[in-house]
Amino acid sequence: MKRFFIVTNLIKDPMQETTGYIRNYLEQKGAKAEILIRDVLSKQQLTESRERNPLLVPDDTECIMVLGGDGTLLQAARDTLRLDIPLLGINLGSLGFLAEVEKGQVKEALDHLLADEFSVEERMLLSGRLFVGEEEQGKAHALNDIVVSRRGPLRVLPFEVYVNGQPLASYEADGMILSTPTGSTGYNLSAGGPIVNPSASLIVLTPICPHTMNSRSIILSPDDEIEIRIGKRGIEPSGEVFAELSFDGGLSIPVKGADRIVIRRSERRIRLVRLSSISFLKMLHKKMGDM
């Protein structure tokens, strides 16, 4: 690899020390590197953007390096979804499961990239669509998870879940998480869901703080279509509900009582650069030991 695009989180690298080091090192080795600095993670709208390249990544880019935490990488993945360029996460945060490289490993990682000593791993995405009646109001993709949760005052919401058009279960809960294997170590893990090898192909359904003793996560096929509705008791007289739909925690939209959320595996995939031969289980052991 010789052509790189660097997305850096100014909050995580305020003096741009790591960012500057990476660019200078690459240029000294005869490579090309352009930098995009982000000071905040933008809130996007729930829609399929017609802008195929919002970050203005050059056409000849071979790798997009993302400096920050998992949130920075998740947003970069959404913004570059249509480009089919592999991403490499460099962790400048605390506990990052998505980032391949820790701060102290940067030089070694750059040498591997320059020598073409790497592999590329594909990860599945989820696609979520919001329907008002029979009309689709928007669509977005998520690498980690799609979450339907309460908003505003503390209250329990009744959820009705359908799989492939058939009723699956009803929940009294604060929300519902639909997670990919990649996202199983995120919100899903915090809510008591299972940890899944990110190379797997499946969908995890996990209720958030369910108000029952026997509600557990459910593992679904990657080919299943899941529909979530807010039960009638969660609907206000005005037709509003205290709920919202969010994608990877980076974009969200209010959900009304008559709305339907339909989730399934996306036709798109994310490509991540892998430099280490350490297995997921060994990496998980190390990460869990750092918690």
Protein backbone atom coordinates (compact mmCIF):
# COMPACT_ATOMS: atom_id res chain seq x y z
CA MET A 1 0.00 0.00 0.00
CA LYS A 2 1.19 3.49 -0.86
CA ARG A 3 -1.92 5.69 -0.83
CA PHE A 4 -3.70 6.42 2.44
CA PHE A 5 -6.51 8.61 3.75
CA ILE A 6 -6.44 9.45 7.47
CA VAL A 7 -9.60 10.30 9.45
CA THR A 8 -8.65 11.62 12.88
CA ASN A 9 -10.71 12.54 15.92
CA LEU A 10 -9.51 15.89 17.22
CA ILE A 11 -10.94 15.14 20.66
CA LYS A 12 -8.79 12.00 20.96
CA ASP A 13 -5.68 13.55 19.33
CA PRO A 14 -6.03 17.28 20.18
CA MET A 15 -2.44 18.24 19.32
CA GLN A 16 -2.43 15.91 16.28
CA GLU A 17 0.73 14.26 17.54
CA THR A 18 -0.19 10.75 16.43
CA THR A 19 -1.82 12.01 13.25
CA GLY A 20 1.21 14.06 12.30
CA TYR A 21 3.58 11.22 13.11
CA ILE A 22 1.67 8.83 10.84
CA ARG A 23 1.58 11.23 7.90
CA ASN A 24 5.26 12.16 8.24
CA TYR A 25 6.35 8.53 8.55
CA LEU A 26 4.35 7.48 5.50
CA GLU A 27 5.63 10.36 3.39
CA GLN A 28 9.23 9.61 4.41
CA LYS A 29 8.70 6.10 3.07
CA GLY A 30 7.45 7.44 -0.26
CA ALA A 31 3.75 6.95 0.41
CA LYS A 32 0.92 9.47 0.05
CA ALA A 33 -1.37 10.46 2.93
CA GLU A 34 -4.23 12.96 3.17
CA ILE A 35 -5.86 13.96 6.46
CA LEU A 36 -9.45 14.73 7.44
CA ILE A 37 -9.87 16.15 10.96
CA ARG A 38 -13.13 15.67 12.86
CA ASP A 39 -13.85 17.57 16.05
CA VAL A 40 -17.29 16.03 16.66
CA LEU A 41 -19.23 13.05 15.39
CA SER A 42 -21.98 14.47 13.20
CA LYS A 43 -25.62 13.49 13.56
CA GLN A 44 -26.86 12.26 10.22
CA GLN A 45 -30.37 11.91 8.90
CA LEU A 46 -32.08 8.56 8.42
CA THR A 47 -31.83 8.40 4.67
CA GLU A 48 -29.78 6.85 1.92
CA SER A 49 -27.43 9.67 1.02
CA ARG A 50 -27.09 10.43 -2.66
CA GLU A 51 -23.60 11.66 -1.94
CA ARG A 52 -21.46 8.60 -2.50
CA ASN A 53 -18.28 10.11 -1.07
CA PRO A 54 -19.09 12.67 1.67
CA LEU A 55 -15.51 12.66 3.03
CA LEU A 56 -14.05 13.38 -0.43
CA VAL A 57 -11.72 10.41 -0.23
CA PRO A 58 -9.40 10.39 -3.28
CA ASP A 59 -10.19 7.72 -5.87
CA ASP A 60 -6.73 6.15 -5.64
CA THR A 61 -6.92 5.55 -1.85
CA GLU A 62 -5.93 2.01 -0.86
CA CYS A 63 -6.60 2.23 2.88
CA ILE A 64 -8.54 4.55 5.19
CA MET A 65 -6.93 4.89 8.61
CA VAL A 66 -9.29 5.94 11.40
CA LEU A 67 -7.74 7.44 14.56
CA GLY A 68 -9.92 7.62 17.66
CA GLY A 69 -12.27 5.16 19.31
CA ASP A 70 -14.94 2.77 18.13
CA GLY A 71 -17.38 5.66 17.58
CA THR A 72 -15.02 7.36 15.13
CA LEU A 73 -14.56 4.12 13.23
CA LEU A 74 -18.29 3.41 13.10
CA GLN A 75 -19.03 6.80 11.59
CA ALA A 76 -16.18 6.48 9.10
CA ALA A 77 -17.58 3.10 8.08
CA ARG A 78 -20.98 4.67 7.35
CA ASP A 79 -19.45 7.59 5.47
CA THR A 80 -17.31 5.35 3.24
CA LEU A 81 -19.74 2.47 2.86
CA ARG A 82 -20.11 2.90 -0.89
CA LEU A 83 -16.37 3.21 -1.60
CA ASP A 84 -15.36 -0.41 -0.85
CA ILE A 85 -12.04 0.76 0.60
CA PRO A 86 -10.71 -1.21 3.61
CA LEU A 87 -10.50 0.59 6.95
CA LEU A 88 -7.87 0.30 9.67
CA GLY A 89 -8.77 1.46 13.18
CA ILE A 90 -6.07 2.95 15.42
CA ASN A 91 -7.30 3.09 19.00
CA LEU A 92 -6.74 6.38 20.82
CA GLY A 93 -9.62 5.74 23.21
CA SER A 94 -9.97 3.41 26.17
CA LEU A 95 -11.48 0.01 25.31
CA GLY A 96 -11.87 -0.43 21.58
CA PHE A 97 -12.98 -3.77 20.13
CA LEU A 98 -13.06 -2.54 16.52
CA ALA A 99 -9.62 -0.95 16.36
CA GLU A 100 -6.85 -3.23 15.13
CA VAL A 101 -3.91 -1.13 16.31
CA GLU A 102 -3.11 0.31 19.73
CA LYS A 103 -1.24 3.62 20.03
CA GLY A 104 2.07 1.98 20.93
CA GLN A 105 1.94 -0.26 17.85
CA VAL A 106 1.63 2.44 15.18
CA LYS A 107 5.13 2.24 13.66
CA GLU A 108 5.01 -1.55 13.40
CA ALA A 109 1.55 -1.36 11.81
CA LEU A 110 2.68 1.18 9.23
CA ASP A 111 5.63 -0.99 8.26
CA HIS A 112 3.31 -3.95 7.70
CA LEU A 113 0.99 -1.86 5.53
CA LEU A 114 3.84 -0.49 3.43
CA ALA A 115 5.14 -4.02 2.91
CA ASP A 116 1.67 -5.33 1.98
CA GLU A 117 1.72 -7.65 4.99
CA PHE A 118 -1.96 -7.66 5.93
CA SER A 119 -5.29 -9.32 5.26
CA VAL A 120 -8.77 -7.89 4.73
CA GLU A 121 -11.73 -9.19 6.71
CA GLU A 122 -15.34 -8.60 5.70
CA ARG A 123 -18.01 -7.88 8.31
CA MET A 124 -21.77 -8.08 7.87
CA LEU A 125 -24.00 -5.03 8.31
CA LEU A 126 -27.62 -4.57 9.27
CA SER A 127 -30.07 -2.58 7.20
CA GLY A 128 -32.94 -0.84 8.98
CA ARG A 129 -35.99 0.72 7.37
CA LEU A 130 -38.61 2.94 8.99
CA PHE A 131 -42.18 2.65 7.67
CA VAL A 132 -45.03 5.04 8.33
CA GLY A 133 -48.01 3.03 7.25
CA GLU A 134 -46.87 1.33 4.05
CA GLU A 135 -44.55 4.16 3.04
CA GLU A 136 -40.81 3.79 3.65
CA GLN A 137 -39.53 6.98 5.28
CA GLY A 138 -35.85 6.17 5.45
CA LYS A 139 -33.13 3.56 5.46
CA ALA A 140 -29.69 3.28 7.05
CA HIS A 141 -27.00 0.71 7.72
CA ALA A 142 -25.25 -0.28 10.94
CA LEU A 143 -22.01 -2.15 11.58
CA ASN A 144 -22.65 -2.62 15.31
CA ASP A 145 -26.34 -2.39 16.09
CA ILE A 146 -29.77 -0.95 15.48
CA VAL A 147 -31.57 0.05 18.69
CA VAL A 148 -35.17 0.96 19.42
CA SER A 149 -35.29 2.58 22.86
CA ARG A 150 -37.31 4.91 25.05
CA ARG A 151 -36.68 8.63 25.07
CA GLY A 152 -37.85 11.34 27.42
CA PRO A 153 -39.39 10.33 30.78
CA LEU A 154 -38.44 7.01 32.35
CA ARG A 155 -41.01 4.47 31.34
CA VAL A 156 -41.30 0.90 30.13
CA LEU A 157 -42.36 0.30 26.54
CA PRO A 158 -44.26 -2.70 25.19
CA PHE A 159 -42.53 -4.18 22.12
CA GLU A 160 -43.97 -6.63 19.64
CA VAL A 161 -41.39 -8.56 17.61
CA TYR A 162 -42.13 -10.42 14.37
CA VAL A 163 -39.73 -12.61 12.39
CA ASN A 164 -40.45 -13.29 8.71
CA GLY A 165 -43.99 -12.06 9.25
CA GLN A 166 -44.69 -14.37 12.19
CA PRO A 167 -45.09 -13.21 15.83
CA LEU A 168 -42.01 -14.07 17.89
CA ALA A 169 -42.40 -12.43 21.28
CA SER A 170 -43.73 -9.49 23.25
CA TYR A 171 -41.49 -7.61 25.66
CA GLU A 172 -41.89 -5.06 28.41
CA ALA A 173 -38.52 -3.34 28.28
CA ASP A 174 -36.58 -0.11 27.98
CA GLY A 175 -35.62 -1.01 24.43
CA MET A 176 -34.56 -3.64 21.92
CA ILE A 177 -31.09 -4.19 20.42
CA LEU A 178 -30.54 -5.84 17.06
CA SER A 179 -26.83 -6.57 16.88
CA THR A 180 -24.36 -7.93 14.34
CA PRO A 181 -21.57 -10.26 15.51
CA THR A 182 -19.25 -7.25 15.35
CA GLY A 183 -21.58 -5.29 17.62
CA SER A 184 -22.02 -8.12 20.11
CA THR A 185 -19.22 -6.62 22.25
CA GLY A 186 -20.93 -3.21 22.32
CA TYR A 187 -24.32 -2.25 23.71
CA ASN A 188 -25.45 -5.86 23.36
CA LEU A 189 -22.77 -6.98 25.82
CA SER A 190 -23.68 -4.24 28.29
CA ALA A 191 -27.32 -5.36 28.13
CA GLY A 192 -26.38 -8.95 29.00
CA GLY A 193 -26.29 -10.32 25.46
CA PRO A 194 -23.87 -12.98 24.21
CA ILE A 195 -20.40 -12.34 22.78
CA VAL A 196 -20.16 -13.60 19.20
CA ASN A 197 -17.13 -14.15 17.00
CA PRO A 198 -17.21 -11.21 14.54
CA SER A 199 -16.60 -13.52 11.58
CA ALA A 200 -19.94 -15.24 12.21
CA SER A 201 -23.07 -14.49 10.22
CA LEU A 202 -26.15 -14.06 12.43
CA ILE A 203 -28.35 -11.47 14.17
CA VAL A 204 -28.66 -11.10 17.95
CA LEU A 205 -31.90 -9.80 19.45
CA THR A 206 -31.44 -8.53 23.03
CA PRO A 207 -34.03 -6.72 25.18
CA ILE A 208 -32.79 -3.80 27.28
CA CYS A 209 -33.71 -4.12 30.97
CA PRO A 210 -36.70 -6.41 30.33
CA HIS A 211 -39.34 -6.35 33.08
CA THR A 212 -39.62 -10.12 33.31
CA MET A 213 -37.45 -12.86 34.74
CA ASN A 214 -37.26 -15.06 31.64
CA SER A 215 -36.38 -12.68 28.81
CA ARG A 216 -33.09 -13.63 27.15
CA SER A 217 -31.28 -12.85 23.93
CA ILE A 218 -32.37 -14.72 20.81
CA ILE A 219 -29.99 -15.70 18.01
CA LEU A 220 -31.55 -15.35 14.58
CA SER A 221 -30.50 -16.39 11.10
CA PRO A 222 -28.76 -13.73 8.97
CA ASP A 223 -31.52 -14.26 6.40
CA ASP A 224 -34.35 -13.47 8.81
CA GLU A 225 -36.36 -10.26 8.54
CA ILE A 226 -37.24 -8.74 11.90
CA GLU A 227 -40.07 -6.28 12.42
CA ILE A 228 -40.47 -4.27 15.63
CA ARG A 229 -43.62 -2.41 16.64
CA ILE A 230 -44.45 -0.42 19.75
CA GLY A 231 -47.42 -1.98 21.54
CA LYS A 232 -50.63 0.01 21.92
CA ARG A 233 -50.00 0.75 25.59
CA GLY A 234 -46.87 2.68 24.62
CA ILE A 235 -48.80 5.05 22.41
CA GLU A 236 -49.81 8.47 23.67
CA PRO A 237 -53.26 9.89 22.80
CA SER A 238 -51.51 12.19 20.31
CA GLY A 239 -50.12 9.17 18.50
CA GLU A 240 -46.58 9.84 19.73
CA VAL A 241 -44.41 7.42 21.68
CA PHE A 242 -41.38 8.06 23.82
CA ALA A 243 -39.12 5.98 21.56
CA GLU A 244 -36.35 6.49 19.03
CA LEU A 245 -34.53 4.45 16.44
CA SER A 246 -30.74 4.68 16.35
CA PHE A 247 -27.99 3.26 14.14
CA ASP A 248 -24.59 2.60 15.72
CA GLY A 249 -25.40 5.39 18.18
CA GLY A 250 -24.55 7.97 15.53
CA LEU A 251 -27.87 8.80 13.91
CA SER A 252 -31.36 8.60 15.34
CA ILE A 253 -34.97 9.48 14.63
CA PRO A 254 -38.16 9.58 16.78
CA VAL A 255 -40.57 6.69 16.32
CA LYS A 256 -44.34 7.21 16.44
CA GLY A 257 -46.96 4.72 17.51
CA ALA A 258 -48.02 3.59 14.05
CA ASP A 259 -44.49 3.27 12.70
CA ARG A 260 -42.80 -0.04 11.91
CA ILE A 261 -39.08 -0.83 11.95
CA VAL A 262 -37.93 -3.58 9.60
CA ILE A 263 -34.39 -4.93 10.02
CA ARG A 264 -32.44 -7.47 8.03
CA ARG A 265 -28.92 -8.20 6.85
CA SER A 266 -27.61 -5.50 4.54
CA GLU A 267 -26.55 -6.25 1.00
CA ARG A 268 -23.38 -4.30 1.76
CA ARG A 269 -20.36 -5.34 3.82
CA ILE A 270 -17.55 -3.47 5.56
CA ARG A 271 -13.91 -4.38 4.90
CA LEU A 272 -11.45 -4.09 7.79
CA VAL A 273 -7.66 -4.37 7.56
CA ARG A 274 -6.18 -7.07 9.77
CA LEU A 275 -2.48 -7.05 10.68
CA SER A 276 -2.42 -9.46 13.59
CA SER A 277 -2.75 -13.23 13.53
CA ILE A 278 -4.07 -13.23 17.10
CA SER A 279 -7.40 -15.04 17.29
CA PHE A 280 -10.59 -13.33 18.38
CA LEU A 281 -10.63 -15.38 21.58
CA LYS A 282 -7.11 -14.30 22.54
CA MET A 283 -7.96 -10.68 21.76
CA LEU A 284 -11.15 -10.97 23.78
CA HIS A 285 -9.22 -12.40 26.74
CA LYS A 286 -6.87 -9.42 26.66
CA LYS A 287 -9.64 -6.86 26.29
CA MET A 288 -11.72 -8.36 29.09
CA GLY A 289 -8.66 -8.39 31.31
CA ASP A 290 -8.24 -4.63 30.72
CA MET A 291 -11.83 -3.87 31.75
